[in-house]
Amino acid sequence: MRLSIPGFDLALTAESGQCFRMRSLGENRWRVIAFGRALEIVDLGENVFLFDCSPQEFDALWRDYFDLETDYHQICSLVGPEDGYLYEAACFARGLRILRQEPFETLISFIISQRKSVGAIRFSVERLCQAFGAEFALGLYAFPTPKALAEASLDQLLACSLGYRAKYIKGAARMIHEGRPDLDALHPLDDQALLDALLPLPGVGVKVANCVMLFAYHRMDAFPVDVWIDRVLASEFPGGFPFERFPGVSGVLQQHLFCYARSGGSNKLVKK
């Protein structure tokens, strides 16, 4: 189906470090694997996109996945020129969307993400899917179930280039498989209760928990702090990020800062 989506930057969203199974196929084509399905998208330019699915599937699944009902233009308008680096970041990344991903896949992916580059994370996630996920089309694999990872041996997990994270993944998968917690039942919780429910899982600290909150549970105040954001905060917000000015959207602005910093920004961070 062909659809006009004003202000949507597919490439930026795919490369923003929030999803590790959205890949470029070249020539403005992208493929995302989620929910045990594959979707190919062509960016035709002028805010027009071609989705390789029916309108019914798009409305049932992908419209929500790409968060197309949220007014990101309004979010960006909260930041003005007087905000300096934050304004530059918001202008740079204004086409970004916060994806609504599956909680278990997001949890495992961000446990893997610790001390790994985006490319290395993608490699490990794909190895994990090939080893333990169901093949739903030729050469395409769904993300593994909690049961599959819980029953995997450490040696099998280590073969997926997981290193020390293998034991955390096995432990977290076992707990989720046993319903400790039931990830689907966490959606109604408030932010603090959700954070408290995620932190006891093996390999989950505050940063990973905030990533899961933002990218799976769409808690838009979650503010993951990795090495890039730590540098931004030290360089541009020595007095602390002004959370009080941006209630309910701080997580979106965090992603703007993350993408802008990784791009080189205004070179302020590169010089330091």
Protein backbone atom coordinates (compact mmCIF):
# COMPACT_ATOMS: atom_id res chain seq x y z
CA MET A 1 0.00 0.00 0.00
CA ARG A 2 1.09 3.57 -0.76
CA LEU A 3 0.84 6.13 2.04
CA SER A 4 1.76 9.76 2.65
CA ILE A 5 3.31 10.32 6.09
CA PRO A 6 4.34 13.95 6.58
CA GLY A 7 7.53 14.46 8.56
CA PHE A 8 8.50 10.79 8.80
CA ASP A 9 12.22 10.01 8.39
CA LEU A 10 12.39 6.25 7.88
CA ALA A 11 16.19 6.08 7.54
CA LEU A 12 16.78 8.11 10.70
CA THR A 13 14.32 5.98 12.67
CA ALA A 14 15.95 2.77 11.42
CA GLU A 15 19.44 3.97 12.37
CA SER A 16 18.50 5.54 15.70
CA GLY A 17 19.67 2.65 17.87
CA GLN A 18 16.24 1.74 19.20
CA CYS A 19 15.61 -1.24 16.90
CA PHE A 20 18.09 -3.84 15.68
CA ARG A 21 16.01 -5.70 13.07
CA MET A 22 15.31 -2.84 10.68
CA ARG A 23 17.83 -2.90 7.85
CA SER A 24 18.51 -1.09 4.62
CA LEU A 25 18.08 -3.17 1.47
CA GLY A 26 19.54 -0.37 -0.66
CA GLU A 27 17.86 2.10 -3.02
CA ASN A 28 15.68 3.64 -0.27
CA ARG A 29 14.29 0.22 0.65
CA TRP A 30 14.09 -1.06 4.22
CA ARG A 31 12.96 -4.27 5.86
CA VAL A 32 11.79 -4.61 9.43
CA ILE A 33 11.13 -7.91 11.18
CA ALA A 34 8.74 -7.73 14.11
CA PHE A 35 5.85 -9.74 15.54
CA GLY A 36 7.02 -12.77 13.55
CA ARG A 37 6.51 -10.92 10.25
CA ALA A 38 8.63 -9.07 7.73
CA LEU A 39 7.66 -5.75 6.21
CA GLU A 40 9.45 -4.08 3.32
CA ILE A 41 9.15 -0.32 2.92
CA VAL A 42 10.23 1.90 0.04
CA ASP A 43 10.80 5.61 0.63
CA LEU A 44 9.51 7.16 -2.60
CA GLY A 45 10.41 10.68 -1.52
CA GLU A 46 8.17 13.67 -0.81
CA ASN A 47 6.90 11.94 2.36
CA VAL A 48 5.40 9.06 0.38
CA PHE A 49 6.11 5.45 1.32
CA LEU A 50 5.25 2.08 -0.18
CA PHE A 51 4.47 -0.63 2.40
CA ASP A 52 4.51 -4.26 1.31
CA CYS A 53 1.33 -5.18 3.17
CA SER A 54 -2.43 -4.81 2.92
CA PRO A 55 -4.20 -1.75 4.35
CA GLN A 56 -5.81 -4.07 6.89
CA GLU A 57 -2.45 -5.39 8.13
CA PHE A 58 -1.00 -1.89 8.20
CA ASP A 59 -3.84 -0.56 10.36
CA ALA A 60 -3.84 -3.61 12.63
CA LEU A 61 -0.11 -3.74 13.23
CA TRP A 62 2.28 -1.31 11.59
CA ARG A 63 0.50 2.01 12.13
CA ASP A 64 0.89 1.57 15.87
CA TYR A 65 4.40 0.09 15.56
CA PHE A 66 5.64 3.25 13.83
CA ASP A 67 3.66 5.43 16.26
CA LEU A 68 2.04 7.38 13.46
CA GLU A 69 -0.76 8.78 15.61
CA THR A 70 1.56 10.82 17.87
CA ASP A 71 2.06 14.48 16.89
CA TYR A 72 5.86 14.71 16.72
CA HIS A 73 5.67 18.13 15.10
CA GLN A 74 4.04 19.42 18.28
CA ILE A 75 6.76 17.81 20.39
CA CYS A 76 9.52 19.47 18.36
CA SER A 77 7.73 22.82 18.63
CA LEU A 78 8.32 22.78 22.40
CA VAL A 79 12.01 23.44 21.74
CA GLY A 80 13.09 26.87 20.52
CA PRO A 81 16.27 28.53 19.20
CA GLU A 82 17.08 29.68 22.71
CA ASP A 83 17.63 26.03 23.63
CA GLY A 84 20.85 25.90 21.61
CA TYR A 85 22.15 22.36 21.21
CA LEU A 86 18.79 20.82 22.08
CA TYR A 87 17.15 22.91 19.34
CA GLU A 88 19.82 21.83 16.84
CA ALA A 89 19.17 18.21 17.82
CA ALA A 90 15.39 18.57 17.51
CA CYS A 91 15.74 20.12 14.05
CA PHE A 92 18.15 17.40 12.95
CA ALA A 93 16.01 14.49 14.18
CA ARG A 94 12.50 15.88 13.77
CA GLY A 95 11.49 12.97 11.49
CA LEU A 96 12.25 10.36 14.15
CA ARG A 97 9.53 8.10 15.54
CA ILE A 98 9.66 6.13 18.80
CA LEU A 99 8.77 2.60 17.80
CA ARG A 100 6.36 0.45 19.81
CA GLN A 101 8.27 -2.83 19.98
CA GLU A 102 7.63 -6.18 21.62
CA PRO A 103 8.74 -6.07 25.27
CA PHE A 104 10.67 -9.36 25.33
CA GLU A 105 12.62 -8.64 22.15
CA THR A 106 13.40 -5.13 23.41
CA LEU A 107 14.51 -6.44 26.79
CA ILE A 108 16.89 -9.04 25.36
CA SER A 109 18.21 -6.69 22.68
CA PHE A 110 19.17 -4.05 25.22
CA ILE A 111 20.75 -6.56 27.58
CA ILE A 112 22.89 -7.45 24.56
CA SER A 113 23.54 -3.76 23.82
CA GLN A 114 25.77 -3.16 26.84
CA ARG A 115 29.29 -2.21 25.71
CA LYS A 116 28.52 -3.08 22.09
CA SER A 117 28.28 -0.95 18.94
CA VAL A 118 25.00 -0.86 17.02
CA GLY A 119 26.52 -3.08 14.32
CA ALA A 120 27.70 -5.63 16.86
CA ILE A 121 24.29 -5.66 18.55
CA ARG A 122 22.58 -6.31 15.23
CA PHE A 123 24.95 -9.17 14.51
CA SER A 124 24.31 -10.84 17.87
CA VAL A 125 20.55 -10.35 17.67
CA GLU A 126 20.45 -11.90 14.20
CA ARG A 127 22.59 -14.85 15.30
CA LEU A 128 20.23 -15.37 18.23
CA CYS A 129 17.20 -15.33 15.92
CA GLN A 130 18.78 -17.77 13.47
CA ALA A 131 19.76 -20.15 16.26
CA PHE A 132 16.57 -20.06 18.34
CA GLY A 133 13.81 -18.30 16.40
CA ALA A 134 11.17 -19.88 14.16
CA GLU A 135 11.80 -19.54 10.42
CA PHE A 136 8.60 -17.94 9.09
CA ALA A 137 9.89 -17.35 5.53
CA LEU A 138 12.97 -18.48 3.64
CA GLY A 139 15.95 -17.13 5.57
CA LEU A 140 13.81 -14.96 7.86
CA TYR A 141 13.48 -15.76 11.55
CA ALA A 142 11.20 -14.52 14.30
CA PHE A 143 12.69 -13.37 17.56
CA PRO A 144 13.09 -16.32 19.96
CA THR A 145 10.50 -17.02 22.62
CA PRO A 146 11.40 -16.79 26.32
CA LYS A 147 11.13 -20.60 26.50
CA ALA A 148 13.62 -21.10 23.66
CA LEU A 149 16.24 -18.87 25.27
CA ALA A 150 15.59 -20.22 28.76
CA GLU A 151 16.25 -23.77 27.54
CA ALA A 152 19.34 -22.87 25.52
CA SER A 153 22.71 -23.86 26.94
CA LEU A 154 25.27 -21.23 27.79
CA ASP A 155 27.54 -22.63 25.09
CA GLN A 156 24.81 -22.22 22.51
CA LEU A 157 24.23 -18.64 23.61
CA LEU A 158 27.94 -17.87 23.66
CA ALA A 159 28.09 -19.00 20.02
CA CYS A 160 25.92 -15.94 19.24
CA SER A 161 28.74 -13.56 20.25
CA LEU A 162 27.04 -12.62 23.52
CA GLY A 163 30.06 -12.89 25.82
CA TYR A 164 29.31 -12.24 29.49
CA ARG A 165 25.74 -11.25 28.54
CA ALA A 166 24.85 -14.89 27.78
CA LYS A 167 24.17 -15.75 31.42
CA TYR A 168 22.04 -12.65 31.85
CA ILE A 169 19.98 -13.49 28.78
CA LYS A 170 19.41 -17.06 29.93
CA GLY A 171 18.47 -15.89 33.42
CA ALA A 172 16.14 -13.14 32.21
CA ALA A 173 14.48 -15.50 29.70
CA ARG A 174 13.91 -18.09 32.41
CA MET A 175 12.28 -15.54 34.70
CA ILE A 176 10.04 -14.21 31.91
CA HIS A 177 9.11 -17.76 30.86
CA GLU A 178 8.08 -18.42 34.46
CA GLY A 179 6.04 -15.21 34.54
CA ARG A 180 8.36 -13.34 36.89
CA PRO A 181 7.20 -10.85 35.65
CA ASP A 182 4.55 -11.26 32.97
CA LEU A 183 5.74 -8.58 30.54
CA ASP A 184 2.30 -8.10 28.99
CA ALA A 185 0.78 -7.45 32.41
CA LEU A 186 3.14 -4.53 33.04
CA HIS A 187 1.49 -2.14 30.59
CA PRO A 188 -0.98 -0.63 33.10
CA LEU A 189 1.73 0.15 35.69
CA ASP A 190 2.90 3.68 36.32
CA ASP A 191 6.47 4.55 35.35
CA GLN A 192 8.03 3.93 38.76
CA ALA A 193 6.24 0.61 39.22
CA LEU A 194 7.30 -0.46 35.72
CA LEU A 195 10.92 0.45 36.46
CA ASP A 196 10.75 -1.48 39.74
CA ALA A 197 9.37 -4.54 37.91
CA LEU A 198 12.16 -4.55 35.31
CA LEU A 199 15.19 -3.90 37.51
CA PRO A 200 15.27 -7.34 39.24
CA LEU A 201 15.83 -9.08 35.89
CA PRO A 202 19.41 -10.29 35.30
CA GLY A 203 21.49 -7.86 33.27
CA VAL A 204 19.00 -5.02 33.69
CA GLY A 205 20.18 -1.76 35.21
CA VAL A 206 18.61 1.67 35.07
CA LYS A 207 19.79 2.36 31.50
CA VAL A 208 18.49 -0.92 30.05
CA ALA A 209 15.23 -0.61 31.99
CA ASN A 210 14.69 2.89 30.60
CA CYS A 211 15.33 1.63 27.06
CA VAL A 212 12.66 -1.04 27.53
CA MET A 213 10.28 1.49 29.03
CA LEU A 214 10.74 3.91 26.13
CA PHE A 215 10.95 1.57 23.16
CA ALA A 216 8.54 -1.19 24.23
CA TYR A 217 6.13 0.41 26.71
CA HIS A 218 6.17 3.88 25.10
CA ARG A 219 6.89 5.66 28.37
CA MET A 220 7.89 8.94 26.79
CA ASP A 221 9.51 10.32 29.95
CA ALA A 222 12.01 7.43 30.12
CA PHE A 223 15.47 8.88 29.53
CA PRO A 224 18.18 6.24 28.88
CA VAL A 225 21.69 7.50 29.58
CA ASP A 226 24.40 5.73 27.58
CA VAL A 227 27.90 6.94 26.72
CA TRP A 228 26.60 9.34 24.06
CA ILE A 229 23.96 10.93 26.28
CA ASP A 230 26.42 11.09 29.17
CA ARG A 231 28.76 13.15 26.98
CA VAL A 232 25.91 15.40 25.86
CA LEU A 233 24.75 16.01 29.42
CA ALA A 234 28.27 16.84 30.58
CA SER A 235 28.95 19.15 27.64
CA GLU A 236 25.60 20.84 27.07
CA PHE A 237 23.61 20.46 30.30
CA PRO A 238 26.08 20.88 33.18
CA GLY A 239 23.19 21.92 35.42
CA GLY A 240 21.13 18.90 34.40
CA PHE A 241 18.59 18.26 31.66
CA PRO A 242 15.46 20.46 32.10
CA PHE A 243 12.99 17.61 32.55
CA GLU A 244 10.46 19.95 34.16
CA ARG A 245 10.07 21.83 30.87
CA PHE A 246 9.26 18.76 28.81
CA PRO A 247 6.90 16.51 30.80
CA GLY A 248 5.76 13.49 28.85
CA VAL A 249 8.23 13.92 25.96
CA SER A 250 11.72 13.90 27.51
CA GLY A 251 12.39 10.47 26.00
CA VAL A 252 11.75 11.77 22.50
CA LEU A 253 14.20 14.61 23.05
CA GLN A 254 16.72 12.14 24.44
CA GLN A 255 16.55 10.29 21.13
CA HIS A 256 17.02 13.56 19.26
CA LEU A 257 20.14 14.24 21.31
CA PHE A 258 21.41 10.70 20.79
CA CYS A 259 21.01 10.80 17.00
CA TYR A 260 22.48 14.29 16.71
CA ALA A 261 25.49 13.46 18.88
CA ARG A 262 26.22 10.26 16.91
CA SER A 263 26.05 12.25 13.67
CA GLY A 264 28.79 14.58 14.93
CA GLY A 265 26.35 17.28 16.02
CA SER A 266 27.86 20.73 15.72
CA ASN A 267 31.24 19.09 16.42
CA LYS A 268 31.20 20.37 20.00
CA LEU A 269 31.41 16.86 21.41
CA VAL A 270 33.96 15.71 18.87
CA LYS A 271 36.37 18.45 19.88
CA LYS A 272 36.25 17.58 23.57
